[in-house]
C-alpha atoms as a PDB file:
ATOM      1  CA  ASP A   1      21.214  -5.882  20.632  1.00  0.00           C
ATOM      2  CA  ALA A   2      19.103  -8.494  21.670  1.00  0.00           C
ATOM      3  CA  GLY A   3      18.470  -6.746  25.358  1.00  0.00           C
ATOM      4  CA  MET A   4      16.764  -4.173  23.421  1.00  0.00           C
ATOM      5  CA  LEU A   5      14.118  -6.229  22.017  1.00  0.00           C
ATOM      6  CA  SER A   6      10.744  -6.833  23.832  1.00  0.00           C
ATOM      7  CA  GLU A   7       7.093  -8.862  23.358  1.00  0.00           C
ATOM      8  CA  ASP A   8       5.460  -6.030  25.646  1.00  0.00           C
ATOM      9  CA  GLU A   9       3.894  -3.892  23.123  1.00  0.00           C
ATOM     10  CA  THR A  10       3.822  -0.841  25.827  1.00  0.00           C
ATOM     11  CA  SER A  11       7.714  -1.300  26.307  1.00  0.00           C
ATOM     12  CA  SER A  12       8.434   0.624  22.289  1.00  0.00           C
ATOM     13  CA  ASN A  13       7.220   3.399  20.381  1.00  0.00           C
ATOM     14  CA  ILE A  14       8.818   1.392  17.641  1.00  0.00           C
ATOM     15  CA  HIS A  15       7.364  -1.955  16.796  1.00  0.00           C
ATOM     16  CA  ALA A  16       8.047  -4.387  14.511  1.00  0.00           C
ATOM     17  CA  VAL A  17       4.465  -5.976  12.142  1.00  0.00           C
ATOM     18  CA  PRO A  18       4.787  -8.347   9.541  1.00  0.00           C
ATOM     19  CA  MET A  19       4.711  -6.784   6.027  1.00  0.00           C
ATOM     20  CA  HIS A  20       1.063  -7.247   5.037  1.00  0.00           C
ATOM     21  CA  MET A  21       0.276  -4.582   8.192  1.00  0.00           C
ATOM     22  CA  VAL A  22       2.188  -1.570   6.275  1.00  0.00           C
ATOM     23  CA  CYS A  23      -0.539  -0.281   4.388  1.00  0.00           C
ATOM     24  CA  PHE A  24      -3.086   2.660   5.541  1.00  0.00           C
ATOM     25  CA  LYS A  25      -5.961   0.377   6.472  1.00  0.00           C
ATOM     26  CA  ARG A  26      -3.954  -1.831   9.251  1.00  0.00           C
ATOM     27  CA  MET A  27      -2.265   1.912  10.525  1.00  0.00           C
ATOM     28  CA  ALA A  28      -5.597   3.161  10.856  1.00  0.00           C
ATOM     29  CA  ARG A  29      -6.392   0.271  13.042  1.00  0.00           C
ATOM     30  CA  VAL A  30      -2.964   0.933  15.197  1.00  0.00           C
ATOM     31  CA  LEU A  31      -4.101   4.514  15.367  1.00  0.00           C
ATOM     32  CA  LYS A  32      -7.334   3.620  16.931  1.00  0.00           C
ATOM     33  CA  HIS A  33      -6.153   1.023  18.818  1.00  0.00           C
ATOM     34  CA  TYR A  34      -3.757   3.226  20.742  1.00  0.00           C
ATOM     35  CA  ARG A  35      -5.812   6.212  20.852  1.00  0.00           C
ATOM     36  CA  GLY A  36      -4.641   8.848  23.547  1.00  0.00           C
ATOM     37  CA  LYS A  37      -1.330   7.259  23.205  1.00  0.00           C
ATOM     38  CA  TYR A  38      -0.332   7.966  19.754  1.00  0.00           C
ATOM     39  CA  ASP A  39      -1.460  10.615  17.393  1.00  0.00           C
ATOM     40  CA  THR A  40       0.075   9.555  14.477  1.00  0.00           C
ATOM     41  CA  VAL A  41       1.213   6.494  13.198  1.00  0.00           C
ATOM     42  CA  VAL A  42       4.596   6.155  10.549  1.00  0.00           C
ATOM     43  CA  GLY A  43       5.134   2.708   8.305  1.00  0.00           C
ATOM     44  CA  ILE A  44       8.262   1.738   6.583  1.00  0.00           C
ATOM     45  CA  ARG A  45       8.019  -0.228   3.322  1.00  0.00           C
ATOM     46  CA  PRO A  46      10.281  -1.590   1.745  1.00  0.00           C
ATOM     47  CA  THR A  47       9.567  -1.115  -2.021  1.00  0.00           C
ATOM     48  CA  GLY A  48      10.981  -5.008  -2.752  1.00  0.00           C
ATOM     49  CA  TRP A  49       7.388  -5.361  -1.164  1.00  0.00           C
ATOM     50  CA  THR A  50       5.325  -2.564  -2.690  1.00  0.00           C
ATOM     51  CA  GLN A  51       5.108  -4.624  -5.942  1.00  0.00           C
ATOM     52  CA  SER A  52       4.775  -1.549  -7.928  1.00  0.00           C
ATOM     53  CA  ARG A  53       6.195  -0.371 -11.469  1.00  0.00           C
ATOM     54  CA  ASP A  54       6.321   3.250  -9.940  1.00  0.00           C
ATOM     55  CA  HIS A  55       9.053   4.859 -10.653  1.00  0.00           C
ATOM     56  CA  LYS A  56       8.989   6.959  -7.775  1.00  0.00           C
ATOM     57  CA  ALA A  57       8.074   4.145  -4.972  1.00  0.00           C
ATOM     58  CA  ALA A  58      11.462   2.730  -6.773  1.00  0.00           C
ATOM     59  CA  HIS A  59      13.902   5.891  -5.280  1.00  0.00           C
ATOM     60  CA  GLY A  60      11.502   6.248  -1.950  1.00  0.00           C
ATOM     61  CA  ARG A  61       8.546   7.790  -1.638  1.00  0.00           C
ATOM     62  CA  LYS A  62       6.606   9.448   1.116  1.00  0.00           C
ATOM     63  CA  ARG A  63       2.512   9.383   1.679  1.00  0.00           C
ATOM     64  CA  TYR A  64       0.195  10.824   4.064  1.00  0.00           C
ATOM     65  CA  GLN A  65      -3.620   9.765   5.221  1.00  0.00           C
ATOM     66  CA  GLY A  66      -4.778  11.671   7.967  1.00  0.00           C
ATOM     67  CA  SER A  67      -2.024  11.732  10.645  1.00  0.00           C
ATOM     68  CA  MET A  68      -0.693   8.013   9.129  1.00  0.00           C
ATOM     69  CA  VAL A  69       2.748   8.528   7.374  1.00  0.00           C
ATOM     70  CA  LEU A  70       4.098   5.924   4.698  1.00  0.00           C
ATOM     71  CA  HIS A  71       7.205   5.665   3.547  1.00  0.00           C
ATOM     72  CA  GLU A  72       8.496   3.323   0.961  1.00  0.00           C
ATOM     73  CA  VAL A  73      12.298   3.008   0.613  1.00  0.00           C
ATOM     74  CA  PRO A  74      14.233   1.013  -1.741  1.00  0.00           C
ATOM     75  CA  TYR A  75      15.238  -2.037   0.178  1.00  0.00           C
ATOM     76  CA  SER A  76      14.645  -5.602  -0.482  1.00  0.00           C
ATOM     77  CA  GLU A  77      15.885  -8.951   1.271  1.00  0.00           C
ATOM     78  CA  HIS A  78      17.323  -9.402  -2.550  1.00  0.00           C
ATOM     79  CA  SER A  79      18.147  -5.993  -3.360  1.00  0.00           C
ATOM     80  CA  GLY A  80      21.305  -4.961  -5.723  1.00  0.00           C
ATOM     81  CA  TYR A  81      24.541  -3.019  -4.867  1.00  0.00           C
ATOM     82  CA  ASP A  82      22.203  -0.082  -6.752  1.00  0.00           C
ATOM     83  CA  GLU A  83      19.375  -0.551  -4.061  1.00  0.00           C
ATOM     84  CA  LEU A  84      21.401  -0.963  -1.075  1.00  0.00           C
ATOM     85  CA  LYS A  85      23.179   2.183  -2.235  1.00  0.00           C
ATOM     86  CA  GLU A  86      20.144   4.349  -2.222  1.00  0.00           C
ATOM     87  CA  PHE A  87      18.813   2.464   0.926  1.00  0.00           C
ATOM     88  CA  ILE A  88      21.666   3.760   2.977  1.00  0.00           C
ATOM     89  CA  LYS A  89      21.566   7.124   1.352  1.00  0.00           C
ATOM     90  CA  TRP A  90      17.505   7.696   2.070  1.00  0.00           C
ATOM     91  CA  LEU A  91      17.998   6.309   5.764  1.00  0.00           C
ATOM     92  CA  ASN A  92      21.657   8.066   6.818  1.00  0.00           C
ATOM     93  CA  PRO A  93      22.371   5.242   9.253  1.00  0.00           C
ATOM     94  CA  THR A  94      24.975   5.803  12.251  1.00  0.00           C
ATOM     95  CA  LYS A  95      26.061   2.106  11.731  1.00  0.00           C
ATOM     96  CA  ILE A  96      25.853  -0.430   9.480  1.00  0.00           C
ATOM     97  CA  ILE A  97      25.876  -4.209   9.850  1.00  0.00           C
ATOM     98  CA  PRO A  98      26.119  -6.320   7.458  1.00  0.00           C
ATOM     99  CA  HIS A  99      24.854 -10.117   7.769  1.00  0.00           C
ATOM    100  CA  VAL A 100      25.653 -11.861   4.539  1.00  0.00           C
ATOM    101  CA  ASP A 101      29.417 -12.960   3.929  1.00  0.00           C
ATOM    102  CA  ASN A 102      30.250 -10.891   7.119  1.00  0.00           C
ATOM    103  CA  ASP A 103      33.856 -11.766   8.626  1.00  0.00           C
ATOM    104  CA  GLY A 104      33.882  -9.407  11.141  1.00  0.00           C
ATOM    105  CA  GLY A 105      37.217  -7.800   9.038  1.00  0.00           C
ATOM    106  CA  GLU A 106      38.365  -6.514   5.641  1.00  0.00           C
ATOM    107  CA  ARG A 107      35.295  -8.408   4.005  1.00  0.00           C
ATOM    108  CA  ARG A 108      32.849  -6.653   6.100  1.00  0.00           C
ATOM    109  CA  ASP A 109      35.026  -2.692   5.834  1.00  0.00           C
ATOM    110  CA  GLN A 110      35.203  -3.634   2.072  1.00  0.00           C
ATOM    111  CA  MET A 111      31.485  -3.765   1.870  1.00  0.00           C
ATOM    112  CA  ILE A 112      30.601  -0.752   3.810  1.00  0.00           C
ATOM    113  CA  ALA A 113      32.817   1.126   1.797  1.00  0.00           C
ATOM    114  CA  MET A 114      31.447   0.447  -1.472  1.00  0.00           C
ATOM    115  CA  LEU A 115      28.265   1.031  -0.401  1.00  0.00           C
ATOM    116  CA  THR A 116      29.070   4.167   1.909  1.00  0.00           C
ATOM    117  CA  GLN A 117      31.480   5.914  -0.626  1.00  0.00           C
ATOM    118  CA  ASN A 118      30.586   9.693  -0.001  1.00  0.00           C
ATOM    119  CA  HIS A 119      28.200   8.755   2.858  1.00  0.00           C
ATOM    120  CA  PRO A 120      30.799   7.706   6.139  1.00  0.00           C
ATOM    121  CA  VAL A 121      28.860   5.095   8.730  1.00  0.00           C
ATOM    122  CA  VAL A 122      30.606   2.967  11.589  1.00  0.00           C
ATOM    123  CA  ALA A 123      31.006  -0.446  10.744  1.00  0.00           C
ATOM    124  CA  THR A 124      30.017  -3.062  13.034  1.00  0.00           C
END
């Protein structure tokens, strides 16, 4: 819902940032900038952008540095079927909205059913 989006950084606890900012160095700057408002910063970085050959990163991992937490999750804009299934399993969403080949009907429902076998979610 576009009505839930805002450019006012003080109106939300969740901020979408460019990928280069999802690292401990940049997260530390964010934590310093919001000192007094937040005591923890959590980053979520798709593994398609980690440029890592580390097998653990391919299946998601969580790293800590002080009061910062960085989640590396198995997803990229060009994820294959297995990566998308793994991402859905990791994220545990309550709703999925496909944006590629979404006819709003049977095709959408088939895509969601394939990706969420043994993991029910709401189709939208």
